[in-house]
Amino acid sequence: MKRTHGAVAALIGIIALTACSADARDRDPDTLPDISKVSLAAPSTAQLLAEQYRKNGGIPYVSGIEQMGSGRKGVPLVAIWTDAPKDKQVPFDDLKVSILDFLVAEDQISQPHGYMMTVVGPDGTFLHRFDASF
């Protein structure tokens, strides 16, 4: 009986490692969007969309929103610019949910395979980079 439990445990371990390896390949940094293509300042079209977002009750410190194209499996690549001072930073989870709800409601994006999001701070630094693709 001990031998059977050991074999089952070994098999489960191999399956888990294989699943993790496949997931790691899917998240290979070389396949993620090139963050150098995100400008330090929000383009005018991104500013206009952010203005619409704020008018619809969005977070006041969002100064730009832009879909920058598509990543693997067609997932939307979304760039967000924020002008929030350090003491007014919005938790990332609140920010991403609020923006995604707005973009989906406005038919700006669909996300059947997830999305990728980059958030740029007021001085052009990258605050967050989030890959929620699957």
Protein backbone atom coordinates (compact mmCIF):
# COMPACT_ATOMS: atom_id res chain seq x y z
CA MET A 1 0.00 0.00 0.00
CA LYS A 2 2.84 2.42 0.83
CA ARG A 3 4.33 1.79 -2.58
CA THR A 4 1.04 2.76 -4.28
CA HIS A 5 0.80 6.00 -2.28
CA GLY A 6 4.39 6.83 -3.17
CA ALA A 7 3.79 6.19 -6.87
CA VAL A 8 0.61 8.29 -6.80
CA ALA A 9 2.45 11.12 -5.03
CA ALA A 10 5.27 10.97 -7.58
CA LEU A 11 2.78 11.03 -10.46
CA ILE A 12 0.96 14.03 -8.98
CA GLY A 13 4.30 15.81 -8.55
CA ILE A 14 5.25 15.19 -12.17
CA ILE A 15 1.87 16.44 -13.40
CA ALA A 16 2.16 19.56 -11.22
CA LEU A 17 5.69 20.31 -12.50
CA THR A 18 4.57 19.84 -16.09
CA ALA A 19 1.63 22.22 -15.59
CA CYS A 20 3.91 24.80 -13.95
CA SER A 21 6.44 24.51 -16.78
CA ALA A 22 3.74 25.04 -19.40
CA ASP A 23 2.47 28.07 -17.49
CA ALA A 24 6.00 29.45 -17.20
CA ARG A 25 6.46 29.12 -20.98
CA ASP A 26 3.20 31.00 -21.51
CA ARG A 27 4.48 33.83 -19.30
CA ASP A 28 7.93 34.04 -20.88
CA PRO A 29 9.05 37.70 -20.51
CA ASP A 30 10.19 37.70 -24.13
CA THR A 31 6.59 37.25 -25.25
CA LEU A 32 5.14 40.02 -23.08
CA PRO A 33 4.41 43.40 -24.69
CA ASP A 34 7.33 45.75 -25.08
CA ILE A 35 6.82 48.36 -22.35
CA SER A 36 9.25 50.70 -24.07
CA LYS A 37 6.43 51.43 -26.56
CA VAL A 38 4.40 53.09 -23.81
CA SER A 39 5.07 56.82 -23.97
CA LEU A 40 5.93 58.72 -20.80
CA ALA A 41 3.01 61.10 -21.33
CA ALA A 42 -0.48 60.01 -22.32
CA PRO A 43 -1.29 60.67 -25.99
CA SER A 44 -4.24 63.00 -26.65
CA THR A 45 -6.57 60.12 -27.58
CA ALA A 46 -5.70 58.40 -24.28
CA GLN A 47 -6.39 61.65 -22.42
CA LEU A 48 -9.82 61.96 -24.06
CA LEU A 49 -10.78 58.41 -23.13
CA ALA A 50 -9.61 59.01 -19.54
CA GLU A 51 -11.73 62.16 -19.42
CA GLN A 52 -14.77 60.13 -20.48
CA TYR A 53 -13.87 57.49 -17.86
CA ARG A 54 -13.66 60.12 -15.09
CA LYS A 55 -16.98 61.69 -16.18
CA ASN A 56 -18.54 58.23 -15.80
CA GLY A 57 -17.44 58.04 -12.17
CA GLY A 58 -13.92 56.70 -12.72
CA ILE A 59 -10.95 57.29 -10.46
CA PRO A 60 -9.98 61.00 -10.64
CA TYR A 61 -6.22 60.42 -10.94
CA VAL A 62 -6.40 58.48 -14.23
CA SER A 63 -5.02 60.80 -16.89
CA GLY A 64 -4.83 58.42 -19.87
CA ILE A 65 -6.25 55.11 -21.10
CA GLU A 66 -5.23 53.49 -24.36
CA GLN A 67 -5.52 50.07 -25.95
CA MET A 68 -2.14 49.63 -27.57
CA GLY A 69 -3.00 46.66 -29.73
CA SER A 70 -3.18 42.96 -29.01
CA GLY A 71 -0.87 40.42 -27.45
CA ARG A 72 -0.82 36.66 -27.83
CA LYS A 73 -4.25 35.10 -28.41
CA GLY A 74 -5.55 38.59 -29.24
CA VAL A 75 -5.59 39.81 -25.64
CA PRO A 76 -5.87 43.59 -25.37
CA LEU A 77 -2.77 45.49 -24.28
CA VAL A 78 -3.99 48.40 -22.16
CA ALA A 79 -1.83 51.32 -21.02
CA ILE A 80 -2.96 53.51 -18.12
CA TRP A 81 -1.42 56.82 -17.09
CA THR A 82 -2.03 58.19 -13.63
CA ASP A 83 -1.11 61.56 -12.13
CA ALA A 84 -1.77 60.51 -8.53
CA PRO A 85 0.79 61.77 -6.04
CA LYS A 86 2.43 59.08 -3.90
CA ASP A 87 0.11 59.74 -0.95
CA LYS A 88 -2.99 59.37 -3.17
CA GLN A 89 -2.10 56.17 -5.04
CA VAL A 90 -5.16 54.02 -5.70
CA PRO A 91 -4.75 50.30 -4.95
CA PHE A 92 -3.97 48.53 -8.21
CA ASP A 93 -6.82 46.03 -7.82
CA ASP A 94 -9.33 48.90 -7.55
CA LEU A 95 -7.79 50.65 -10.55
CA LYS A 96 -7.78 47.62 -12.86
CA VAL A 97 -11.36 46.60 -12.01
CA SER A 98 -12.69 50.14 -12.47
CA ILE A 99 -10.95 50.65 -15.81
CA LEU A 100 -11.81 47.22 -17.21
CA ASP A 101 -15.46 47.62 -16.25
CA PHE A 102 -15.49 50.96 -18.08
CA LEU A 103 -13.70 49.66 -21.19
CA VAL A 104 -15.97 46.62 -21.50
CA ALA A 105 -19.12 48.71 -20.91
CA GLU A 106 -18.03 51.19 -23.57
CA ASP A 107 -17.24 48.37 -26.04
CA GLN A 108 -13.62 49.49 -26.13
CA ILE A 109 -12.32 45.98 -25.44
CA SER A 110 -13.44 42.40 -25.08
CA GLN A 111 -11.41 40.03 -22.98
CA PRO A 112 -12.26 36.41 -23.74
CA HIS A 113 -8.62 35.46 -23.12
CA GLY A 114 -7.83 38.09 -20.47
CA TYR A 115 -5.83 41.28 -20.86
CA MET A 116 -2.44 42.86 -20.18
CA MET A 117 -2.13 46.19 -18.42
CA THR A 118 0.73 48.63 -17.86
CA VAL A 119 0.33 51.58 -15.47
CA VAL A 120 2.59 54.63 -15.79
CA GLY A 121 3.01 57.12 -12.95
CA PRO A 122 3.12 60.92 -13.05
CA ASP A 123 6.87 61.05 -13.60
CA GLY A 124 6.84 58.41 -16.35
CA THR A 125 7.89 55.52 -14.14
CA PHE A 126 6.22 52.15 -14.59
CA LEU A 127 4.08 51.44 -11.52
CA HIS A 128 2.49 48.15 -12.51
CA ARG A 129 2.67 45.57 -15.24
CA PHE A 130 -0.06 42.97 -15.08
CA ASP A 131 -0.55 39.94 -17.31
CA ALA A 132 -4.02 38.44 -16.83
CA SER A 133 -4.05 36.55 -20.13
CA PHE A 134 -4.90 32.88 -20.33
